[in-house]
């Protein structure tokens, strides 16, 4: 009676290790697999099946990523042609489509951005305040020129020179 729990615990020690490895698997760290070492013979087929499922998920994710990148690249040229035709159209009804074409172009660019960000994924920090100030500095002259905002009351101490 006293020895049995120890024997069972020792026999299932590999299962505990596999459970800890499984806890480390997430969507952002693909390619991870469970170790088949020190696993009881009865559980090894389950570990292999889980590893095969993880491999299939990784392959499916990679196929989806390639499809999105390819679709976004393939859409860029027809959208550019459509934009040119809409912008140079004589009929006012056709020219009204310009906003829709711009949204379509933006969507294709966002798909490419997602693909690029995922491919270049790293865990570095970003200063969002500095990024927002840079974007505001880049866009402010355009907004002032378009007369959408008035710069007469601007606090010159907070103006950030772009580039």
Protein backbone atom coordinates (compact mmCIF):
# COMPACT_ATOMS: atom_id res chain seq x y z
CA UNK A 1 0.00 0.00 0.00
CA UNK A 2 2.79 2.45 0.80
CA UNK A 3 4.89 1.64 -2.25
CA UNK A 4 2.10 1.73 -4.84
CA UNK A 5 1.61 5.55 -4.87
CA UNK A 6 5.36 6.04 -5.32
CA UNK A 7 5.48 3.61 -8.22
CA UNK A 8 2.47 5.23 -9.90
CA UNK A 9 3.87 8.74 -9.36
CA UNK A 10 7.24 7.72 -10.82
CA UNK A 11 5.59 5.99 -13.78
CA UNK A 12 3.50 9.07 -14.54
CA UNK A 13 6.30 11.63 -14.04
CA UNK A 14 6.65 11.86 -17.84
CA UNK A 15 2.98 12.75 -18.12
CA UNK A 16 3.47 15.68 -15.74
CA UNK A 17 6.40 16.86 -17.85
CA UNK A 18 4.27 16.62 -21.01
CA UNK A 19 1.50 18.59 -19.29
CA UNK A 20 3.96 21.40 -18.47
CA UNK A 21 5.20 21.41 -22.08
CA UNK A 22 1.61 21.58 -23.35
CA UNK A 23 0.97 24.64 -21.17
CA UNK A 24 3.77 26.44 -23.03
CA UNK A 25 2.15 26.02 -26.45
CA UNK A 26 0.34 29.07 -27.82
CA UNK A 27 -0.58 30.61 -31.17
CA UNK A 28 2.36 33.02 -31.19
CA UNK A 29 5.01 30.32 -30.81
CA UNK A 30 4.38 27.83 -33.54
CA UNK A 31 6.57 24.81 -34.18
CA UNK A 32 6.54 23.54 -30.61
CA UNK A 33 6.01 19.84 -30.03
CA UNK A 34 5.61 17.63 -26.99
CA UNK A 35 8.56 15.48 -26.00
CA UNK A 36 8.06 11.74 -26.38
CA UNK A 37 10.88 10.91 -23.98
CA UNK A 38 10.05 9.50 -20.56
CA UNK A 39 6.41 8.95 -21.53
CA UNK A 40 4.74 5.68 -20.61
CA UNK A 41 4.25 3.38 -23.58
CA UNK A 42 0.49 3.59 -23.22
CA UNK A 43 0.53 7.39 -23.57
CA UNK A 44 3.08 7.66 -26.42
CA UNK A 45 0.41 7.25 -29.17
CA UNK A 46 -1.55 10.15 -27.66
CA UNK A 47 1.58 12.35 -27.59
CA UNK A 48 2.31 11.46 -31.24
CA UNK A 49 -1.28 12.26 -32.21
CA UNK A 50 -1.10 15.65 -30.45
CA UNK A 51 2.22 16.40 -32.17
CA UNK A 52 0.69 15.49 -35.54
CA UNK A 53 -2.27 17.77 -34.81
CA UNK A 54 0.10 20.62 -33.89
CA UNK A 55 2.02 20.05 -37.13
CA UNK A 56 -1.22 20.18 -39.17
CA UNK A 57 -2.26 23.38 -37.39
CA UNK A 58 1.13 24.96 -38.16
CA UNK A 59 0.81 23.96 -41.81
CA UNK A 60 -2.73 25.34 -41.99
CA UNK A 61 -1.64 28.61 -40.42
CA UNK A 62 1.23 28.89 -42.90
CA UNK A 63 -1.10 28.21 -45.84
CA UNK A 64 -3.50 30.88 -44.61
CA UNK A 65 -0.65 33.38 -44.16
CA UNK A 66 0.63 32.72 -47.69
CA UNK A 67 -2.89 33.04 -49.11
CA UNK A 68 -3.48 36.41 -47.44
CA UNK A 69 -0.12 37.73 -48.63
CA UNK A 70 -0.71 36.46 -52.16
CA UNK A 71 -4.28 37.80 -52.31
CA UNK A 72 -3.19 41.22 -51.08
CA UNK A 73 -0.37 41.39 -53.63
CA UNK A 74 -2.65 40.22 -56.44
CA UNK A 75 -5.30 42.82 -55.54
CA UNK A 76 -2.95 45.79 -55.61
CA UNK A 77 -2.65 46.10 -59.40
CA UNK A 78 -6.36 45.78 -60.26
CA UNK A 79 -7.22 48.22 -57.47
CA UNK A 80 -4.67 50.72 -58.78
CA UNK A 81 -6.12 50.41 -62.28
CA UNK A 82 -9.65 50.80 -60.92
CA UNK A 83 -8.61 53.85 -58.91
CA UNK A 84 -7.08 55.46 -62.01
CA UNK A 85 -10.21 54.79 -64.07
CA UNK A 86 -12.54 56.10 -61.36
CA UNK A 87 -10.42 59.20 -60.74
CA UNK A 88 -10.29 60.06 -64.46
CA UNK A 89 -13.94 59.24 -65.19
CA UNK A 90 -16.15 61.95 -66.64
CA UNK A 91 -19.43 60.76 -65.15
CA UNK A 92 -20.11 62.05 -61.63
CA UNK A 93 -21.68 58.73 -60.58
CA UNK A 94 -18.47 56.89 -61.43
CA UNK A 95 -16.32 59.46 -59.64
CA UNK A 96 -18.40 58.91 -56.48
CA UNK A 97 -16.91 55.42 -56.31
CA UNK A 98 -13.55 56.94 -55.40
CA UNK A 99 -14.17 56.52 -51.64
CA UNK A 100 -15.11 52.86 -52.08
CA UNK A 101 -11.99 52.20 -54.15
CA UNK A 102 -9.86 53.95 -51.52
CA UNK A 103 -11.35 51.71 -48.78
CA UNK A 104 -10.67 48.64 -50.92
CA UNK A 105 -7.08 49.76 -51.45
CA UNK A 106 -6.71 50.40 -47.72
CA UNK A 107 -8.00 46.91 -46.94
CA UNK A 108 -5.45 45.30 -49.30
CA UNK A 109 -2.66 47.36 -47.71
CA UNK A 110 -3.82 46.33 -44.23
CA UNK A 111 -3.71 42.68 -45.26
CA UNK A 112 -0.12 43.16 -46.43
CA UNK A 113 0.74 45.00 -43.21
CA UNK A 114 -0.63 42.14 -41.12
CA UNK A 115 1.43 39.67 -43.11
CA UNK A 116 4.58 41.79 -42.78
CA UNK A 117 4.07 42.32 -39.05
CA UNK A 118 3.55 38.62 -38.49
CA UNK A 119 6.66 37.75 -40.51
CA UNK A 120 8.78 40.33 -38.66
CA UNK A 121 7.31 39.55 -35.24
CA UNK A 122 9.66 40.27 -32.38
CA UNK A 123 9.17 41.27 -28.78
CA UNK A 124 10.63 44.77 -28.83
CA UNK A 125 8.85 47.65 -27.15
CA UNK A 126 7.48 50.64 -29.03
CA UNK A 127 7.13 54.18 -27.68
CA UNK A 128 3.56 54.89 -28.81
CA UNK A 129 3.76 58.52 -27.66
CA UNK A 130 6.78 59.19 -29.89
CA UNK A 131 5.11 57.34 -32.74
CA UNK A 132 1.90 59.40 -32.38
CA UNK A 133 3.89 62.67 -32.23
CA UNK A 134 5.77 61.67 -35.39
CA UNK A 135 2.57 60.86 -37.24
CA UNK A 136 0.97 64.12 -36.08
CA UNK A 137 4.03 66.07 -37.20
CA UNK A 138 3.90 64.40 -40.61
CA UNK A 139 0.16 65.01 -41.07
CA UNK A 140 -0.18 68.49 -39.55
CA UNK A 141 1.18 70.41 -42.58
CA UNK A 142 -1.18 68.49 -44.87
CA UNK A 143 -4.18 69.23 -42.67
CA UNK A 144 -3.26 72.92 -42.38
CA UNK A 145 -2.80 73.15 -46.17
CA UNK A 146 -6.20 71.55 -46.71
CA UNK A 147 -7.68 74.13 -44.30
CA UNK A 148 -9.22 71.43 -42.12
CA UNK A 149 -7.50 72.74 -39.01
CA UNK A 150 -6.36 76.17 -37.96
CA UNK A 151 -2.79 76.59 -36.72
CA UNK A 152 -3.23 80.12 -35.30
CA UNK A 153 -3.79 78.93 -31.72
CA UNK A 154 -1.19 76.17 -31.76
CA UNK A 155 1.23 75.91 -28.87
CA UNK A 156 4.58 76.04 -30.67
CA UNK A 157 6.39 74.27 -27.80
CA UNK A 158 4.67 70.96 -28.68
CA UNK A 159 5.33 71.04 -32.40
CA UNK A 160 7.61 68.17 -33.39
CA UNK A 161 9.79 68.55 -36.45
CA UNK A 162 9.33 65.66 -38.82
CA UNK A 163 12.42 63.84 -39.92
